[in-house]
Structures are given as structure tokens and as C-alpha cells.
Amino acid sequence: MNNTRSRPVRPAPRTRRRGAWRGYLYVLPALAVYAAFAVLPALHTAYLSLFEWDGVTLGEWVGLANYQEIFQDPILRRSVVNALVLVVFFSAIPIALGLAMTGLLARYRRPGMAAYRFLFMLPQVIPLVAVGVTWRWLYGDDGMVNQAFGAVGLGGLERAWLGDFDLALVAVGLVGTWVLSGLCMMLFLSGVQKVDPSLYEAARLDGAGPVREFVSVTLPHLRGELSVALTVTMVAALASFDIVYVTTNGGPGEQTTVPGLLVYRLAFSDGRVGLASALAVVLGCLILALVFIVNRLSRPDPEAAS
């Protein structure tokens, strides 16, 4: 009697190599497009950052002088600080509001939920230029914000919000909060749908209230969605341009100036393409570093999973 066990036939190494190369061939067109429109322009920008160039005449090699100016010029430093402040309004607050709205809509389901989702997602459909124009009117001296304060007897709070040196950046940041809160909510609602309903039933049988149920059941299952929301909103904050350009154009003074706006000014108004490229490189490295940190922190712990 033959006791030898039959073993599965493994493909030869050469066959596996052919399959791997075929896989690379499938993604080659996408890689070519990405390299042509993303990688090569980024490398060219880094190359230009080493020159003093006005975009027309022959550039002069200056090495790292443009980067040195970025860290020494108070206006350039202030723009980076303003972008980091906007992270609070574009990322932290929208994520907190999105989680709160998700907790309410996921637990208390009522008719007309599609209408709620449409209203919260509407800012993502409207072009940011139109959003900026609308909010510039709302923040005006006779805009609806000041009219609302006057209607409730808080006329002392009326002011030119976008012209106030202390509150202009906050006013612009709240526009970003309004735009991105609905996106965060939709991401989290999509994540809630994959949660096993039996987990909610078990939590309620154990006497968990709404807050405890959300913290113990819903929030742990939104790890991936939180990572996506953090990445998208942080990039929107650090690379912001449209809303700032339309609402304040960096004013009053330099209170709302952000790196994206300065890159535009330096390259197309001041003719300092090299310095604009250096600032774009610094901004890109900052975005990549923060996104890398977010992705590292959002990875599931292998030991906890085992």
C-alpha cells in the first residue's frame, strides 16, 4: 500500500516570474502617466528651487539659498504657521463634528436620512471659488453673520470679520470647517455600515448608553476611515489656496497668508520662480511627513490583532 501523500504541484520559479512581470505590465500605463504628470514635475520643481530665476531670463545657481530664505523670512515662516493653524479648522474640528453627526445619525435613524446626507455633502459639490465668494458676502459688514448677531441683541459682536487682524484667520478656517465636515461625516457613515449589528445589540443588553456604545463599538471600527479623513483634510489645510485667495487674498496684512498663496505670488507676480519652487518643495515635504505619521499611527497593531 502506497502511504506517500500527494503534494500540490507548485509552479516553477520561471513561471512565477513571468506572472509577476505580466502584473507589472498591467500597471505600467498608470505608472507612466503618474511619472509624467506627478514625479517629473516634482523633480523639476526641486531642480528650479536651486536657482534664482524670474521665469524668463537665464537662471543663476544659488544652491540652498532659497531654502535658507524661507526659514529666515518672517512672512514665509508666518505662512507655514497659518497653514498649521488651518489644520485645526480644516481637519480636527470637521472630524470631531463628523464623528458626532455619525453617532447621532447611526443610532437614531429617522425618515429623510438621505436628505440630511445630501445637505451635509452639498459643500463638496459646490466649487470652492463659489464657496469663497458666498462666505465673503456673508462675512461682510452688512452680511448675514452680522445681521444674525444684531437680530439676537448681540450687535456688539458685529465687525468686518475678514478684515479683523485677530479673527480673519479664524473666519477663513470656519469656512473650511463648513466645507469638510460633511465629507468626514459621509466617510464615517460608510464605515458604520460595515459594523455587525449584533455588536450594538450586545452593548445595549449590557446597559451601554449612546456615548459608551459609540466609544466601544463604533469608534474602533472607524480606524481606516479616520485615517482617510485625516489625510484628506490635512492636505486640504496645508495646500489651501482657493478659499484664502477669494475671501482675503492673504489679508489683512499677512494674517491669512498661506504657502499656496505665496507660491502663486512669488512665481507669477514677483518673478521669483526659484523661491516659489523652494517653498513648494518645503510644503510638499511637510505634507508627506504628516501623511506618513498619520498612516503609521493608523496601522492596526499586529500583536493586538493576534
Protein backbone atom coordinates (compact mmCIF):
# COMPACT_ATOMS: atom_id res chain seq x y z
CA MET A 1 0.00 0.00 0.00
CA ASN A 2 1.40 3.33 -1.00
CA ASN A 3 1.40 5.72 2.00
CA THR A 4 3.04 8.60 0.23
CA ARG A 5 0.97 11.74 0.34
CA SER A 6 0.30 13.66 -2.80
CA ARG A 7 1.73 17.16 -2.66
CA PRO A 8 0.33 20.10 -4.61
CA VAL A 9 2.29 20.86 -7.71
CA ARG A 10 3.98 24.21 -7.36
CA PRO A 11 4.62 26.31 -10.41
CA ALA A 12 8.19 26.56 -11.49
CA PRO A 13 10.07 29.69 -10.41
CA ARG A 14 10.32 30.82 -14.01
CA THR A 15 6.52 30.66 -14.36
CA ARG A 16 6.05 32.76 -11.23
CA ARG A 17 8.48 35.34 -12.56
CA ARG A 18 6.53 35.57 -15.79
CA GLY A 19 3.30 36.13 -13.88
CA ALA A 20 4.92 38.87 -11.81
CA TRP A 21 6.21 40.65 -14.90
CA ARG A 22 2.77 40.46 -16.50
CA GLY A 23 1.34 42.16 -13.42
CA TYR A 24 3.85 44.98 -13.77
CA LEU A 25 2.94 45.37 -17.42
CA TYR A 26 -0.70 45.93 -16.48
CA VAL A 27 0.15 48.85 -14.17
CA LEU A 28 2.84 50.27 -16.47
CA PRO A 29 0.46 52.71 -18.29
CA ALA A 30 -0.75 54.13 -14.98
CA LEU A 31 2.82 54.39 -13.69
CA ALA A 32 3.87 56.18 -16.88
CA VAL A 33 1.08 58.74 -16.55
CA TYR A 34 1.86 59.25 -12.84
CA ALA A 35 5.56 59.69 -13.56
CA ALA A 36 4.90 62.14 -16.40
CA PHE A 37 2.41 64.35 -14.54
CA ALA A 38 3.49 63.99 -10.89
CA VAL A 39 7.02 62.64 -10.36
CA LEU A 40 8.83 64.51 -13.14
CA PRO A 41 7.19 67.91 -12.38
CA ALA A 42 8.05 67.45 -8.70
CA LEU A 43 11.69 66.70 -9.54
CA HIS A 44 11.79 69.68 -11.91
CA THR A 45 10.39 71.92 -9.17
CA ALA A 46 13.10 70.74 -6.80
CA TYR A 47 15.68 71.49 -9.50
CA LEU A 48 14.34 75.02 -10.05
CA SER A 49 14.44 75.68 -6.31
CA LEU A 50 18.25 75.72 -6.55
CA PHE A 51 18.23 78.73 -8.90
CA GLU A 52 17.42 82.41 -8.73
CA TRP A 53 15.16 82.66 -11.77
CA ASP A 54 12.49 85.09 -12.93
CA GLY A 55 10.91 82.64 -15.38
CA VAL A 56 12.26 84.43 -18.49
CA THR A 57 15.99 85.09 -18.39
CA LEU A 58 18.79 82.65 -17.66
CA GLY A 59 18.71 81.44 -14.06
CA GLU A 60 21.57 81.82 -11.60
CA TRP A 61 22.67 78.89 -9.42
CA VAL A 62 22.21 79.74 -5.72
CA GLY A 63 22.17 76.28 -4.15
CA LEU A 64 20.23 76.15 -0.89
CA ALA A 65 19.95 79.93 -0.53
CA ASN A 66 16.23 79.87 -1.35
CA TYR A 67 15.58 77.36 1.43
CA GLN A 68 17.62 79.47 3.84
CA GLU A 69 15.47 82.49 2.98
CA ILE A 70 12.29 80.52 3.67
CA PHE A 71 13.35 79.85 7.26
CA GLN A 72 14.65 83.39 7.80
CA ASP A 73 11.92 85.48 6.15
CA PRO A 74 9.19 86.21 8.75
CA ILE A 75 6.44 86.35 6.12
CA LEU A 76 7.34 82.93 4.74
CA ARG A 77 7.55 81.47 8.24
CA ARG A 78 4.23 83.06 9.15
CA SER A 79 2.56 81.46 6.13
CA VAL A 80 3.60 77.99 7.31
CA VAL A 81 2.32 78.75 10.82
CA ASN A 82 -1.00 79.93 9.36
CA ALA A 83 -1.31 76.69 7.41
CA LEU A 84 -0.75 74.68 10.59
CA VAL A 85 -3.45 76.74 12.34
CA LEU A 86 -5.83 75.94 9.50
CA VAL A 87 -5.23 72.24 10.16
CA VAL A 88 -7.30 72.70 13.35
CA PHE A 89 -10.25 74.15 11.41
CA PHE A 90 -9.92 72.02 8.27
CA SER A 91 -9.11 68.72 10.00
CA ALA A 92 -9.61 68.49 13.79
CA ILE A 93 -12.97 70.27 14.06
CA PRO A 94 -14.56 68.65 10.94
CA ILE A 95 -13.52 65.18 12.15
CA ALA A 96 -14.97 65.85 15.60
CA LEU A 97 -18.22 67.17 14.09
CA GLY A 98 -18.33 64.27 11.63
CA LEU A 99 -17.98 61.75 14.43
CA ALA A 100 -20.71 63.49 16.45
CA MET A 101 -23.12 63.59 13.50
CA THR A 102 -22.32 59.97 12.66
CA GLY A 103 -23.09 58.90 16.20
CA LEU A 104 -26.47 60.64 16.07
CA LEU A 105 -27.48 59.52 12.59
CA ALA A 106 -26.30 55.93 13.10
CA ARG A 107 -28.18 55.43 16.39
CA TYR A 108 -31.34 57.43 15.78
CA ARG A 109 -32.47 56.53 12.29
CA ARG A 110 -35.41 58.59 11.07
CA PRO A 111 -37.16 59.10 7.73
CA GLY A 112 -35.41 61.58 5.47
CA MET A 113 -31.86 60.44 6.20
CA ALA A 114 -30.98 60.81 2.51
CA ALA A 115 -31.92 64.50 2.71
CA TYR A 116 -29.59 65.00 5.69
CA ARG A 117 -26.74 63.37 3.83
CA PHE A 118 -27.40 65.49 0.75
CA LEU A 119 -27.36 68.73 2.76
CA PHE A 120 -24.16 67.85 4.59
CA MET A 121 -22.44 66.74 1.37
CA LEU A 122 -23.57 69.79 -0.62
CA PRO A 123 -20.41 71.88 0.15
CA GLN A 124 -18.32 69.22 -1.59
CA VAL A 125 -20.30 69.69 -4.81
CA ILE A 126 -20.05 73.50 -4.90
CA PRO A 127 -16.80 74.86 -6.42
CA LEU A 128 -14.51 76.36 -3.78
CA VAL A 129 -14.40 79.68 -5.65
CA ALA A 130 -18.18 79.95 -5.33
CA VAL A 131 -17.88 78.98 -1.65
CA GLY A 132 -15.33 81.74 -1.08
CA VAL A 133 -17.45 84.38 -2.82
CA THR A 134 -20.53 83.38 -0.84
CA TRP A 135 -18.78 83.48 2.52
CA ARG A 136 -17.11 86.79 1.70
CA TRP A 137 -20.59 88.22 1.32
CA LEU A 138 -21.83 86.50 4.50
CA TYR A 139 -18.89 87.94 6.47
CA GLY A 140 -19.39 91.45 5.06
CA ASP A 141 -20.35 94.49 7.13
CA ASP A 142 -24.00 94.06 6.13
CA GLY A 143 -23.78 90.29 5.66
CA MET A 144 -25.96 87.67 7.26
CA VAL A 145 -23.48 86.93 10.05
CA ASN A 146 -23.65 90.48 11.41
CA GLN A 147 -27.38 90.62 10.77
CA ALA A 148 -27.87 87.46 12.82
CA PHE A 149 -25.91 88.93 15.74
CA GLY A 150 -27.95 92.13 15.55
CA ALA A 151 -31.22 90.19 15.44
CA VAL A 152 -30.48 88.39 18.73
CA GLY A 153 -29.27 91.51 20.53
CA LEU A 154 -25.53 90.87 20.14
CA GLY A 155 -24.80 93.88 17.98
CA GLY A 156 -21.58 94.50 19.88
CA LEU A 157 -20.09 91.43 18.17
CA GLU A 158 -20.64 92.83 14.68
CA ARG A 159 -17.45 93.54 12.77
CA ALA A 160 -15.74 93.15 9.40
CA TRP A 161 -14.72 89.55 10.05
CA LEU A 162 -12.38 89.14 7.10
CA GLY A 163 -10.74 92.49 7.83
CA ASP A 164 -10.14 91.88 11.54
CA PHE A 165 -6.46 91.25 12.30
CA ASP A 166 -7.30 88.91 15.18
CA LEU A 167 -10.22 86.96 13.71
CA ALA A 168 -9.62 86.87 9.94
CA LEU A 169 -7.76 83.55 10.05
CA VAL A 170 -10.43 82.05 12.30
CA ALA A 171 -13.15 83.25 9.91
CA VAL A 172 -11.38 81.63 6.95
CA GLY A 173 -10.83 78.46 8.97
CA LEU A 174 -14.54 78.18 9.77
CA VAL A 175 -15.27 78.19 6.05
CA GLY A 176 -13.05 75.14 5.74
CA THR A 177 -14.88 73.57 8.69
CA TRP A 178 -18.19 74.05 6.90
CA VAL A 179 -16.82 72.56 3.67
CA LEU A 180 -15.15 69.46 5.12
CA SER A 181 -17.49 68.43 7.95
CA GLY A 182 -19.94 66.79 5.55
CA LEU A 183 -17.16 64.85 3.83
CA CYS A 184 -15.94 63.46 7.16
CA MET A 185 -19.48 62.52 8.14
CA MET A 186 -20.03 60.62 4.88
CA LEU A 187 -16.76 58.73 5.32
CA PHE A 188 -17.69 57.73 8.86
CA LEU A 189 -21.24 56.75 7.90
CA SER A 190 -19.86 54.43 5.24
CA GLY A 191 -17.64 52.87 7.90
CA VAL A 192 -20.54 52.38 10.31
CA GLN A 193 -22.40 50.29 7.74
CA LYS A 194 -19.77 47.54 7.99
CA VAL A 195 -20.21 47.16 11.77
CA ASP A 196 -22.02 43.98 12.79
CA PRO A 197 -25.46 44.98 14.20
CA SER A 198 -25.14 42.22 16.80
CA LEU A 199 -22.36 44.23 18.47
CA TYR A 200 -24.77 47.09 19.07
CA GLU A 201 -27.38 44.71 20.42
CA ALA A 202 -24.86 43.16 22.80
CA ALA A 203 -23.74 46.59 24.01
CA ARG A 204 -27.33 47.65 24.68
CA LEU A 205 -28.06 44.41 26.54
CA ASP A 206 -25.05 45.19 28.74
CA GLY A 207 -26.60 48.56 29.56
CA ALA A 208 -24.32 50.74 27.40
CA GLY A 209 -25.65 54.22 26.75
CA PRO A 210 -25.26 56.18 23.48
CA VAL A 211 -21.82 57.57 24.33
CA ARG A 212 -20.44 54.27 25.62
CA GLU A 213 -21.87 52.42 22.63
CA PHE A 214 -20.21 54.84 20.24
CA VAL A 215 -16.83 54.74 22.00
CA SER A 216 -16.76 50.96 22.50
CA VAL A 217 -18.38 49.72 19.27
CA THR A 218 -18.48 52.36 16.55
CA LEU A 219 -15.19 54.21 17.02
CA PRO A 220 -12.87 51.15 16.95
CA HIS A 221 -14.33 50.14 13.57
CA LEU A 222 -13.66 53.57 12.04
CA ARG A 223 -9.86 53.36 12.18
CA GLY A 224 -9.44 53.23 8.40
CA GLU A 225 -12.00 55.97 7.76
CA LEU A 226 -10.33 58.19 10.36
CA SER A 227 -7.01 57.74 8.59
CA VAL A 228 -8.54 58.72 5.24
CA ALA A 229 -10.34 61.72 6.76
CA LEU A 230 -7.17 62.93 8.49
CA THR A 231 -5.14 62.59 5.31
CA VAL A 232 -7.64 64.36 3.05
CA THR A 233 -8.39 67.21 5.45
CA MET A 234 -4.76 67.84 6.40
CA VAL A 235 -3.75 68.05 2.75
CA ALA A 236 -6.66 70.44 2.13
CA ALA A 237 -5.48 72.64 5.02
CA LEU A 238 -1.79 72.74 4.13
CA ALA A 239 -2.36 73.15 0.39
CA SER A 240 -5.25 75.61 0.76
CA PHE A 241 -5.39 78.34 -1.87
CA ASP A 242 -8.85 78.83 -3.40
CA ILE A 243 -10.77 79.90 -0.30
CA VAL A 244 -7.99 82.16 1.01
CA TYR A 245 -7.41 83.80 -2.37
CA VAL A 246 -11.09 84.57 -2.93
CA THR A 247 -12.01 85.66 0.60
CA THR A 248 -8.99 87.65 1.88
CA ASN A 249 -6.13 87.30 -0.64
CA GLY A 250 -3.87 86.87 2.38
CA GLY A 251 -5.03 89.99 4.22
CA PRO A 252 -5.41 91.92 6.34
CA GLY A 253 -1.67 92.43 6.22
CA GLU A 254 -0.27 88.89 6.16
CA GLN A 255 -2.68 87.46 8.74
CA THR A 256 -4.21 84.85 6.42
CA THR A 257 -1.28 84.30 4.05
CA VAL A 258 -0.67 80.59 3.42
CA PRO A 259 2.12 78.82 1.49
CA GLY A 260 -0.07 78.04 -1.51
CA LEU A 261 -0.93 81.72 -1.92
CA LEU A 262 2.70 82.77 -1.50
CA VAL A 263 3.84 80.27 -4.14
CA TYR A 264 1.39 81.87 -6.57
CA ARG A 265 2.53 85.41 -5.70
CA LEU A 266 6.24 84.67 -5.85
CA ALA A 267 6.04 82.83 -9.16
CA PHE A 268 3.53 84.91 -11.12
CA SER A 269 3.62 88.36 -9.50
CA ASP A 270 7.14 88.82 -8.12
CA GLY A 271 9.01 86.78 -10.72
CA ARG A 272 10.88 84.71 -8.11
CA VAL A 273 10.28 81.24 -9.50
CA GLY A 274 13.22 79.71 -7.64
CA LEU A 275 12.00 80.86 -4.24
CA ALA A 276 8.43 79.81 -5.10
CA SER A 277 9.71 76.35 -6.07
CA ALA A 278 11.65 76.05 -2.81
CA LEU A 279 8.55 76.96 -0.81
CA ALA A 280 6.53 74.40 -2.79
CA VAL A 281 9.15 71.74 -2.01
CA VAL A 282 9.07 72.57 1.71
CA LEU A 283 5.26 72.46 1.69
CA GLY A 284 5.26 69.13 -0.14
CA CYS A 285 7.74 67.63 2.32
CA LEU A 286 5.64 68.86 5.24
CA ILE A 287 2.52 67.27 3.78
CA LEU A 288 4.30 63.98 3.09
CA ALA A 289 5.73 63.89 6.62
CA LEU A 290 2.34 64.46 8.26
CA VAL A 291 0.61 61.94 5.98
CA PHE A 292 3.31 59.38 6.77
CA ILE A 293 2.81 59.92 10.52
CA VAL A 294 -0.96 59.55 10.16
CA ASN A 295 -0.62 56.32 8.19
CA ARG A 296 1.85 54.89 10.69
CA LEU A 297 -0.37 55.68 13.65
CA SER A 298 -3.48 54.30 11.94
CA ARG A 299 -1.98 50.91 11.19
CA PRO A 300 -3.53 48.10 13.24
CA ASP A 301 -1.32 46.61 15.92
CA PRO A 302 -0.33 43.05 14.85
CA GLU A 303 0.02 41.92 18.45
CA ALA A 304 -3.42 43.27 19.34
CA ALA A 305 -4.94 41.62 16.28
CA SER A 306 -3.42 38.28 17.18
